[in-house]
C-alpha atoms as a PDB file:
ATOM      1  CA  MET A   1    -138.045 163.922 -35.129  1.00  0.00           C
ATOM      2  CA  THR A   2    -141.524 165.468 -34.467  1.00  0.00           C
ATOM      3  CA  LYS A   3    -141.513 169.064 -32.972  1.00  0.00           C
ATOM      4  CA  ILE A   4    -144.623 169.902 -31.084  1.00  0.00           C
ATOM      5  CA  GLU A   5    -144.826 173.870 -29.754  1.00  0.00           C
ATOM      6  CA  TYR A   6    -147.162 175.382 -27.711  1.00  0.00           C
ATOM      7  CA  ILE A   7    -147.332 179.225 -27.842  1.00  0.00           C
ATOM      8  CA  ALA A   8    -149.315 181.328 -25.512  1.00  0.00           C
ATOM      9  CA  ILE A   9    -150.662 184.419 -27.335  1.00  0.00           C
ATOM     10  CA  PRO A  10    -149.719 187.472 -25.959  1.00  0.00           C
ATOM     11  CA  ASN A  11    -151.285 190.755 -24.756  1.00  0.00           C
ATOM     12  CA  ILE A  12    -154.653 188.877 -24.410  1.00  0.00           C
ATOM     13  CA  PRO A  13    -156.937 191.316 -22.782  1.00  0.00           C
ATOM     14  CA  ILE A  14    -159.356 191.133 -20.485  1.00  0.00           C
ATOM     15  CA  VAL A  15    -162.181 189.939 -22.269  1.00  0.00           C
ATOM     16  CA  ASN A  16    -166.059 191.492 -22.089  1.00  0.00           C
ATOM     17  CA  ILE A  17    -169.341 190.123 -22.681  1.00  0.00           C
ATOM     18  CA  GLY A  18    -169.781 190.866 -26.382  1.00  0.00           C
ATOM     19  CA  ASP A  19    -166.278 190.396 -27.298  1.00  0.00           C
ATOM     20  CA  ASP A  20    -165.285 188.554 -30.360  1.00  0.00           C
ATOM     21  CA  ILE A  21    -162.844 185.625 -29.641  1.00  0.00           C
ATOM     22  CA  SER A  22    -161.624 185.063 -33.225  1.00  0.00           C
ATOM     23  CA  GLN A  23    -161.015 188.449 -33.698  1.00  0.00           C
ATOM     24  CA  ILE A  24    -158.695 188.583 -30.636  1.00  0.00           C
ATOM     25  CA  ILE A  25    -157.055 185.940 -31.652  1.00  0.00           C
ATOM     26  CA  VAL A  26    -156.046 186.787 -35.033  1.00  0.00           C
ATOM     27  CA  ASN A  27    -154.995 190.495 -34.361  1.00  0.00           C
ATOM     28  CA  ASN A  28    -152.900 189.855 -31.464  1.00  0.00           C
ATOM     29  CA  CYS A  29    -151.131 187.163 -33.340  1.00  0.00           C
ATOM     30  CA  LYS A  30    -151.092 189.518 -36.127  1.00  0.00           C
ATOM     31  CA  GLU A  31    -149.674 191.998 -33.180  1.00  0.00           C
ATOM     32  CA  SER A  32    -146.696 189.633 -31.942  1.00  0.00           C
ATOM     33  CA  ASN A  33    -145.694 187.855 -35.706  1.00  0.00           C
ATOM     34  CA  ILE A  34    -147.208 184.437 -35.030  1.00  0.00           C
ATOM     35  CA  GLN A  35    -148.991 182.983 -37.598  1.00  0.00           C
ATOM     36  CA  ILE A  36    -151.962 180.689 -37.741  1.00  0.00           C
ATOM     37  CA  CYS A  37    -150.789 178.028 -40.062  1.00  0.00           C
ATOM     38  CA  ASP A  38    -153.165 175.108 -41.678  1.00  0.00           C
ATOM     39  CA  GLY A  39    -153.322 172.021 -39.543  1.00  0.00           C
ATOM     40  CA  ASP A  40    -152.642 173.677 -36.162  1.00  0.00           C
ATOM     41  CA  ILE A  41    -154.955 173.948 -33.307  1.00  0.00           C
ATOM     42  CA  ILE A  42    -155.992 176.425 -31.017  1.00  0.00           C
ATOM     43  CA  VAL A  43    -156.744 175.963 -27.229  1.00  0.00           C
ATOM     44  CA  ILE A  44    -158.488 178.604 -25.686  1.00  0.00           C
ATOM     45  CA  ALA A  45    -159.351 178.810 -21.828  1.00  0.00           C
ATOM     46  CA  GLN A  46    -163.402 178.280 -20.897  1.00  0.00           C
ATOM     47  CA  LYS A  47    -163.625 181.168 -18.903  1.00  0.00           C
ATOM     48  CA  ILE A  48    -162.963 183.893 -21.485  1.00  0.00           C
ATOM     49  CA  VAL A  49    -165.342 182.310 -23.542  1.00  0.00           C
ATOM     50  CA  SER A  50    -167.873 182.088 -21.315  1.00  0.00           C
ATOM     51  CA  ILE A  51    -167.342 185.845 -20.236  1.00  0.00           C
ATOM     52  CA  SER A  52    -167.959 186.792 -24.164  1.00  0.00           C
ATOM     53  CA  GLU A  53    -171.259 184.594 -24.176  1.00  0.00           C
ATOM     54  CA  ASN A  54    -172.635 186.577 -21.261  1.00  0.00           C
ATOM     55  CA  ALA A  55    -172.686 183.233 -19.161  1.00  0.00           C
ATOM     56  CA  ILE A  56    -172.637 184.733 -15.936  1.00  0.00           C
ATOM     57  CA  VAL A  57    -174.410 185.030 -13.213  1.00  0.00           C
ATOM     58  CA  ASP A  58    -175.423 187.716 -10.284  1.00  0.00           C
ATOM     59  CA  LEU A  59    -175.193 185.536  -6.899  1.00  0.00           C
ATOM     60  CA  ASN A  60    -177.122 188.784  -5.072  1.00  0.00           C
ATOM     61  CA  HIS A  61    -180.169 187.629  -7.530  1.00  0.00           C
ATOM     62  CA  ILE A  62    -180.062 184.183  -6.148  1.00  0.00           C
ATOM     63  CA  ALA A  63    -182.292 182.471  -3.957  1.00  0.00           C
ATOM     64  CA  PRO A  64    -180.932 179.107  -2.386  1.00  0.00           C
ATOM     65  CA  SER A  65    -183.375 176.442  -1.737  1.00  0.00           C
ATOM     66  CA  GLU A  66    -183.003 174.498   1.520  1.00  0.00           C
ATOM     67  CA  LYS A  67    -181.220 172.044  -0.194  1.00  0.00           C
ATOM     68  CA  ALA A  68    -178.083 174.409  -1.513  1.00  0.00           C
ATOM     69  CA  ILE A  69    -178.282 176.065   2.378  1.00  0.00           C
ATOM     70  CA  GLU A  70    -177.764 172.137   3.493  1.00  0.00           C
ATOM     71  CA  ILE A  71    -174.443 172.186   1.380  1.00  0.00           C
ATOM     72  CA  SER A  72    -173.562 175.354   2.553  1.00  0.00           C
ATOM     73  CA  LYS A  73    -173.113 174.453   5.749  1.00  0.00           C
ATOM     74  CA  LEU A  74    -171.507 170.875   5.578  1.00  0.00           C
ATOM     75  CA  THR A  75    -168.805 173.366   2.644  1.00  0.00           C
ATOM     76  CA  GLY A  76    -168.741 176.587   4.174  1.00  0.00           C
ATOM     77  CA  ARG A  77    -169.756 178.088   0.640  1.00  0.00           C
ATOM     78  CA  SER A  78    -172.391 180.981   0.404  1.00  0.00           C
ATOM     79  CA  PRO A  79    -175.890 179.123   0.087  1.00  0.00           C
ATOM     80  CA  GLU A  80    -176.139 181.450  -3.256  1.00  0.00           C
ATOM     81  CA  GLU A  81    -173.340 179.607  -5.352  1.00  0.00           C
ATOM     82  CA  CYS A  82    -174.585 175.653  -3.742  1.00  0.00           C
ATOM     83  CA  GLN A  83    -177.576 176.772  -5.449  1.00  0.00           C
ATOM     84  CA  VAL A  84    -176.248 178.074  -8.697  1.00  0.00           C
ATOM     85  CA  PHE A  85    -173.820 174.245  -8.111  1.00  0.00           C
ATOM     86  CA  LEU A  86    -177.365 172.578  -8.155  1.00  0.00           C
ATOM     87  CA  ASP A  87    -178.808 174.406 -11.404  1.00  0.00           C
ATOM     88  CA  GLU A  88    -175.875 173.253 -13.466  1.00  0.00           C
ATOM     89  CA  SER A  89    -175.992 169.838 -12.033  1.00  0.00           C
ATOM     90  CA  THR A  90    -178.127 166.599 -13.060  1.00  0.00           C
ATOM     91  CA  GLU A  91    -176.814 165.380  -9.915  1.00  0.00           C
ATOM     92  CA  ILE A  92    -174.037 165.696  -6.763  1.00  0.00           C
ATOM     93  CA  LEU A  93    -171.367 162.599  -6.445  1.00  0.00           C
ATOM     94  CA  GLU A  94    -169.421 163.828  -3.684  1.00  0.00           C
ATOM     95  CA  ILE A  95    -168.847 166.633  -0.955  1.00  0.00           C
ATOM     96  CA  SER A  96    -165.051 166.650   0.810  1.00  0.00           C
ATOM     97  CA  GLY A  97    -164.856 169.980   2.429  1.00  0.00           C
ATOM     98  CA  ARG A  98    -164.976 172.573   0.204  1.00  0.00           C
ATOM     99  CA  HIS A  99    -165.372 170.810  -2.717  1.00  0.00           C
ATOM    100  CA  VAL A 100    -168.318 170.286  -4.565  1.00  0.00           C
ATOM    101  CA  VAL A 101    -168.235 167.301  -7.023  1.00  0.00           C
ATOM    102  CA  THR A 102    -171.146 167.309  -9.300  1.00  0.00           C
ATOM    103  CA  ARG A 103    -172.115 165.718 -12.761  1.00  0.00           C
ATOM    104  CA  HIS A 104    -172.535 169.191 -15.062  1.00  0.00           C
ATOM    105  CA  LYS A 105    -175.950 169.136 -17.195  1.00  0.00           C
ATOM    106  CA  ASN A 106    -173.690 168.380 -20.079  1.00  0.00           C
ATOM    107  CA  GLY A 107    -172.211 165.212 -18.816  1.00  0.00           C
ATOM    108  CA  TYR A 108    -169.126 166.468 -17.629  1.00  0.00           C
ATOM    109  CA  VAL A 109    -167.301 165.394 -13.969  1.00  0.00           C
ATOM    110  CA  CYS A 110    -166.254 168.393 -12.436  1.00  0.00           C
ATOM    111  CA  THR A 111    -166.176 169.945  -9.297  1.00  0.00           C
ATOM    112  CA  SER A 112    -168.356 173.017  -8.644  1.00  0.00           C
ATOM    113  CA  ALA A 113    -170.663 172.443 -11.958  1.00  0.00           C
ATOM    114  CA  GLY A 114    -167.856 174.609 -13.374  1.00  0.00           C
ATOM    115  CA  VAL A 115    -168.982 177.783 -11.418  1.00  0.00           C
ATOM    116  CA  ASP A 116    -166.540 179.617 -10.859  1.00  0.00           C
ATOM    117  CA  LYS A 117    -165.469 183.601  -9.437  1.00  0.00           C
ATOM    118  CA  SER A 118    -162.168 183.668 -10.409  1.00  0.00           C
ATOM    119  CA  ASN A 119    -161.231 186.037 -13.313  1.00  0.00           C
ATOM    120  CA  VAL A 120    -164.629 187.530 -13.249  1.00  0.00           C
ATOM    121  CA  SER A 121    -165.139 190.826 -11.403  1.00  0.00           C
ATOM    122  CA  ASP A 122    -163.361 192.507  -8.210  1.00  0.00           C
ATOM    123  CA  LYS A 123    -164.503 192.107  -4.764  1.00  0.00           C
ATOM    124  CA  LYS A 124    -167.814 194.592  -4.557  1.00  0.00           C
ATOM    125  CA  ASN A 125    -169.563 192.161  -6.856  1.00  0.00           C
ATOM    126  CA  ARG A 126    -170.552 188.776  -6.643  1.00  0.00           C
ATOM    127  CA  LEU A 127    -170.736 187.614 -10.271  1.00  0.00           C
ATOM    128  CA  VAL A 128    -169.689 183.431 -10.909  1.00  0.00           C
ATOM    129  CA  THR A 129    -169.241 182.063 -14.590  1.00  0.00           C
ATOM    130  CA  LEU A 130    -171.077 179.283 -15.728  1.00  0.00           C
ATOM    131  CA  LEU A 131    -169.852 176.819 -18.536  1.00  0.00           C
ATOM    132  CA  PRO A 132    -170.524 177.922 -21.989  1.00  0.00           C
ATOM    133  CA  LYS A 133    -174.502 176.538 -22.753  1.00  0.00           C
ATOM    134  CA  ASN A 134    -172.820 174.421 -25.874  1.00  0.00           C
ATOM    135  CA  PRO A 135    -169.057 174.550 -25.836  1.00  0.00           C
ATOM    136  CA  ASP A 136    -168.973 172.559 -29.113  1.00  0.00           C
ATOM    137  CA  ASN A 137    -170.834 175.329 -30.680  1.00  0.00           C
ATOM    138  CA  SER A 138    -168.683 177.902 -29.174  1.00  0.00           C
ATOM    139  CA  ALA A 139    -165.617 176.203 -30.831  1.00  0.00           C
ATOM    140  CA  GLN A 140    -167.071 175.817 -34.390  1.00  0.00           C
ATOM    141  CA  LYS A 141    -167.927 179.284 -34.078  1.00  0.00           C
ATOM    142  CA  ILE A 142    -164.596 180.440 -33.559  1.00  0.00           C
ATOM    143  CA  ARG A 143    -162.789 178.179 -35.896  1.00  0.00           C
ATOM    144  CA  LEU A 144    -165.239 178.750 -39.139  1.00  0.00           C
ATOM    145  CA  ALA A 145    -164.504 182.851 -38.390  1.00  0.00           C
ATOM    146  CA  ILE A 146    -160.874 182.308 -38.005  1.00  0.00           C
ATOM    147  CA  LYS A 147    -161.326 180.095 -41.174  1.00  0.00           C
ATOM    148  CA  LYS A 148    -162.815 183.230 -42.886  1.00  0.00           C
ATOM    149  CA  MET A 149    -160.353 185.357 -41.996  1.00  0.00           C
ATOM    150  CA  LEU A 150    -156.906 183.979 -42.375  1.00  0.00           C
ATOM    151  CA  ASP A 151    -158.181 181.051 -44.955  1.00  0.00           C
ATOM    152  CA  VAL A 152    -156.391 178.532 -42.671  1.00  0.00           C
ATOM    153  CA  ASP A 153    -158.237 174.669 -41.527  1.00  0.00           C
ATOM    154  CA  ILE A 154    -157.427 174.490 -37.800  1.00  0.00           C
ATOM    155  CA  ALA A 155    -158.922 172.698 -34.649  1.00  0.00           C
ATOM    156  CA  VAL A 156    -160.154 174.525 -31.819  1.00  0.00           C
ATOM    157  CA  ILE A 157    -160.428 173.233 -28.117  1.00  0.00           C
ATOM    158  CA  ILE A 158    -161.966 174.942 -24.860  1.00  0.00           C
ATOM    159  CA  ASN A 159    -160.344 173.483 -21.893  1.00  0.00           C
ATOM    160  CA  ASP A 160    -161.705 174.251 -18.435  1.00  0.00           C
ATOM    161  CA  THR A 161    -159.993 172.430 -14.921  1.00  0.00           C
ATOM    162  CA  MET A 162    -161.861 169.550 -13.878  1.00  0.00           C
ATOM    163  CA  GLY A 163    -162.047 167.751 -10.339  1.00  0.00           C
ATOM    164  CA  LYS A 164    -162.688 164.095  -9.808  1.00  0.00           C
ATOM    165  CA  PRO A 165    -164.437 162.458  -6.562  1.00  0.00           C
ATOM    166  CA  TYR A 166    -161.540 159.575  -7.477  1.00  0.00           C
ATOM    167  CA  ARG A 167    -158.505 161.770  -7.304  1.00  0.00           C
ATOM    168  CA  ARG A 168    -157.339 164.870  -5.490  1.00  0.00           C
ATOM    169  CA  GLY A 169    -156.076 167.957  -7.490  1.00  0.00           C
ATOM    170  CA  ALA A 170    -157.928 168.852 -10.968  1.00  0.00           C
ATOM    171  CA  ILE A 171    -156.576 168.751 -14.516  1.00  0.00           C
ATOM    172  CA  SER A 172    -157.611 170.683 -17.364  1.00  0.00           C
ATOM    173  CA  GLU A 173    -159.724 168.358 -19.994  1.00  0.00           C
ATOM    174  CA  SER A 174    -161.560 169.910 -23.187  1.00  0.00           C
ATOM    175  CA  ILE A 175    -165.080 170.747 -22.749  1.00  0.00           C
ATOM    176  CA  GLY A 176    -165.660 171.505 -26.757  1.00  0.00           C
ATOM    177  CA  ILE A 177    -163.811 171.218 -29.720  1.00  0.00           C
ATOM    178  CA  ALA A 178    -164.328 171.432 -33.380  1.00  0.00           C
ATOM    179  CA  GLY A 179    -162.984 170.205 -36.389  1.00  0.00           C
ATOM    180  CA  ILE A 180    -160.562 167.295 -34.559  1.00  0.00           C
ATOM    181  CA  LYS A 181    -161.108 164.278 -33.474  1.00  0.00           C
ATOM    182  CA  ALA A 182    -162.206 163.686 -30.141  1.00  0.00           C
ATOM    183  CA  LEU A 183    -161.161 159.759 -30.059  1.00  0.00           C
ATOM    184  CA  GLU A 184    -157.912 158.640 -31.467  1.00  0.00           C
ATOM    185  CA  GLU A 185    -157.897 154.220 -32.494  1.00  0.00           C
ATOM    186  CA  LYS A 186    -155.039 153.259 -33.621  1.00  0.00           C
ATOM    187  CA  ASP A 187    -154.013 149.664 -34.421  1.00  0.00           C
ATOM    188  CA  SER A 188    -150.818 149.144 -34.548  1.00  0.00           C
ATOM    189  CA  GLN A 189    -148.029 146.565 -32.953  1.00  0.00           C
ATOM    190  CA  ASP A 190    -145.969 146.838 -29.623  1.00  0.00           C
ATOM    191  CA  LEU A 191    -142.091 146.299 -29.834  1.00  0.00           C
ATOM    192  CA  PHE A 192    -142.335 143.079 -29.778  1.00  0.00           C
ATOM    193  CA  GLY A 193    -144.282 142.579 -32.774  1.00  0.00           C
ATOM    194  CA  ASN A 194    -148.369 141.718 -30.585  1.00  0.00           C
ATOM    195  CA  PRO A 195    -151.101 143.494 -32.029  1.00  0.00           C
ATOM    196  CA  SER A 196    -152.084 146.481 -29.700  1.00  0.00           C
ATOM    197  CA  LYS A 197    -155.224 148.703 -30.075  1.00  0.00           C
ATOM    198  CA  SER A 198    -155.323 151.894 -28.609  1.00  0.00           C
ATOM    199  CA  GLN A 199    -158.069 154.927 -27.789  1.00  0.00           C
ATOM    200  CA  VAL A 200    -156.633 158.067 -26.929  1.00  0.00           C
ATOM    201  CA  ALA A 201    -158.549 161.235 -25.982  1.00  0.00           C
ATOM    202  CA  LEU A 202    -155.625 163.324 -27.831  1.00  0.00           C
ATOM    203  CA  VAL A 203    -158.011 166.745 -27.543  1.00  0.00           C
ATOM    204  CA  ASP A 204    -157.703 165.949 -23.552  1.00  0.00           C
ATOM    205  CA  GLU A 205    -153.896 165.450 -23.621  1.00  0.00           C
ATOM    206  CA  ILE A 206    -153.522 168.897 -25.777  1.00  0.00           C
ATOM    207  CA  ALA A 207    -155.932 170.464 -23.263  1.00  0.00           C
ATOM    208  CA  ALA A 208    -153.943 169.787 -20.626  1.00  0.00           C
ATOM    209  CA  ALA A 209    -150.771 170.614 -21.983  1.00  0.00           C
ATOM    210  CA  SER A 210    -151.924 173.757 -23.331  1.00  0.00           C
ATOM    211  CA  ALA A 211    -153.287 174.527 -19.451  1.00  0.00           C
ATOM    212  CA  ILE A 212    -149.785 174.338 -18.633  1.00  0.00           C
ATOM    213  CA  LEU A 213    -148.864 177.659 -20.083  1.00  0.00           C
ATOM    214  CA  MET A 214    -152.462 179.146 -19.384  1.00  0.00           C
ATOM    215  CA  GLY A 215    -151.526 178.958 -15.771  1.00  0.00           C
ATOM    216  CA  GLU A 216    -154.714 179.119 -12.484  1.00  0.00           C
ATOM    217  CA  SER A 217    -154.498 182.626 -11.531  1.00  0.00           C
ATOM    218  CA  ASP A 218    -153.218 186.115 -13.121  1.00  0.00           C
ATOM    219  CA  GLU A 219    -150.809 184.716 -15.900  1.00  0.00           C
ATOM    220  CA  GLN A 220    -153.551 186.235 -18.283  1.00  0.00           C
ATOM    221  CA  ASN A 221    -152.458 183.288 -20.978  1.00  0.00           C
ATOM    222  CA  PRO A 222    -156.064 182.451 -21.993  1.00  0.00           C
ATOM    223  CA  ILE A 223    -155.420 181.089 -25.469  1.00  0.00           C
ATOM    224  CA  VAL A 224    -152.430 179.047 -26.343  1.00  0.00           C
ATOM    225  CA  LEU A 225    -151.496 178.001 -30.208  1.00  0.00           C
ATOM    226  CA  VAL A 226    -150.107 174.328 -30.602  1.00  0.00           C
ATOM    227  CA  LYS A 227    -148.152 173.614 -33.727  1.00  0.00           C
ATOM    228  CA  GLY A 228    -147.133 170.062 -35.033  1.00  0.00           C
ATOM    229  CA  VAL A 229    -150.004 167.558 -33.413  1.00  0.00           C
ATOM    230  CA  GLN A 230    -150.657 165.329 -35.835  1.00  0.00           C
ATOM    231  CA  TYR A 231    -154.953 164.737 -35.546  1.00  0.00           C
ATOM    232  CA  THR A 232    -157.781 163.227 -37.630  1.00  0.00           C
ATOM    233  CA  ARG A 233    -159.775 166.219 -39.453  1.00  0.00           C
ATOM    234  CA  VAL A 234    -163.336 165.874 -38.896  1.00  0.00           C
ATOM    235  CA  GLU A 235    -166.240 168.163 -39.732  1.00  0.00           C
ATOM    236  CA  ASN A 236    -168.909 166.729 -37.432  1.00  0.00           C
ATOM    237  CA  THR A 237    -167.437 165.955 -33.823  1.00  0.00           C
ATOM    238  CA  SER A 238    -168.482 166.021 -30.406  1.00  0.00           C
ATOM    239  CA  ILE A 239    -166.804 166.020 -26.842  1.00  0.00           C
ATOM    240  CA  HIS A 240    -169.618 163.602 -26.212  1.00  0.00           C
ATOM    241  CA  ASP A 241    -168.053 161.287 -27.967  1.00  0.00           C
ATOM    242  CA  LEU A 242    -165.654 161.445 -24.603  1.00  0.00           C
ATOM    243  CA  LEU A 243    -168.579 160.749 -22.007  1.00  0.00           C
ATOM    244  CA  LYS A 244    -170.329 157.481 -22.527  1.00  0.00           C
ATOM    245  CA  TRP A 245    -167.714 156.427 -19.908  1.00  0.00           C
ATOM    246  CA  PHE A 246    -169.641 158.865 -17.282  1.00  0.00           C
ATOM    247  CA  TYR A 247    -172.826 157.275 -18.361  1.00  0.00           C
ATOM    248  CA  TYR A 248    -171.643 154.456 -17.768  1.00  0.00           C
ATOM    249  CA  ILE A 249    -170.984 155.550 -14.550  1.00  0.00           C
ATOM    250  CA  LYS A 250    -173.983 157.470 -13.705  1.00  0.00           C
ATOM    251  CA  LEU A 251    -175.715 153.576 -14.026  1.00  0.00           C
ATOM    252  CA  ASN A 252    -173.108 152.180 -12.103  1.00  0.00           C
ATOM    253  CA  ARG A 253    -172.754 154.862  -9.225  1.00  0.00           C
ATOM    254  CA  ASP A 254    -173.602 152.883  -6.002  1.00  0.00           C
ATOM    255  CA  PHE A 255    -171.130 150.453  -6.758  1.00  0.00           C
ATOM    256  CA  ILE A 256    -167.911 152.394  -7.727  1.00  0.00           C
ATOM    257  CA  MET A 257    -168.593 154.840  -5.107  1.00  0.00           C
ATOM    258  CA  LYS A 258    -168.451 152.131  -2.539  1.00  0.00           C
ATOM    259  CA  SER A 259    -165.404 151.364  -3.731  1.00  0.00           C
ATOM    260  CA  LEU A 260    -163.860 154.803  -3.390  1.00  0.00           C
ATOM    261  CA  PRO A 261    -161.403 154.676  -0.533  1.00  0.00           C
ATOM    262  CA  PHE A 262    -163.133 157.778   1.843  1.00  0.00           C
END
């Protein structure tokens, strides 16, 4: 029987601009007697990566456009916040209540272009985080630093909660990866001997499962160590290997949106 473990690394401090995420991971694992082994996967919440890389915007310094003001009236969100949604996305796919579903500049379909004001600062400041500029590079940097410190070959996944225009609620997905193949492909047989060919976004499955331990508010478990998952190790990989479907959606957006139940 295959055993898979998801371990929330405890006592992660509040991350500040310039903090070394890889060093935090190594230090806290040592303090908690958690061993990072060859083949493990580390899943990291996007928020702490963005903060460490200073992907932060002060809404007081944002001048909203007419379009942002229009979206603000529709959603009840501040015009400045809506302007950042526009700045970080290539198009608005859907507006439903307070939710603004966008296509991020990096290709992800998500609510609010990944812009988030939770767990950034106190209410006195109007700070929001953006998604990392290049999450794949961020993941690879952390992976290689840990490899250098511990001499282990691991994979790193950066995850974030995403909302979709065709489904209520949100689920965590991978937005940056390193050391792990984005799409697992397998030729096999089903239970009755019929040929079966599958394509599985394993990195998204791992990201979603990790989010259960991470939580969405004050749990303070932004880093999860995953053990026992079988995956294909690769050096050259990118989350964009999973995003081709999004580009197809863009070409066929009018037809798809007419088919949606709202």
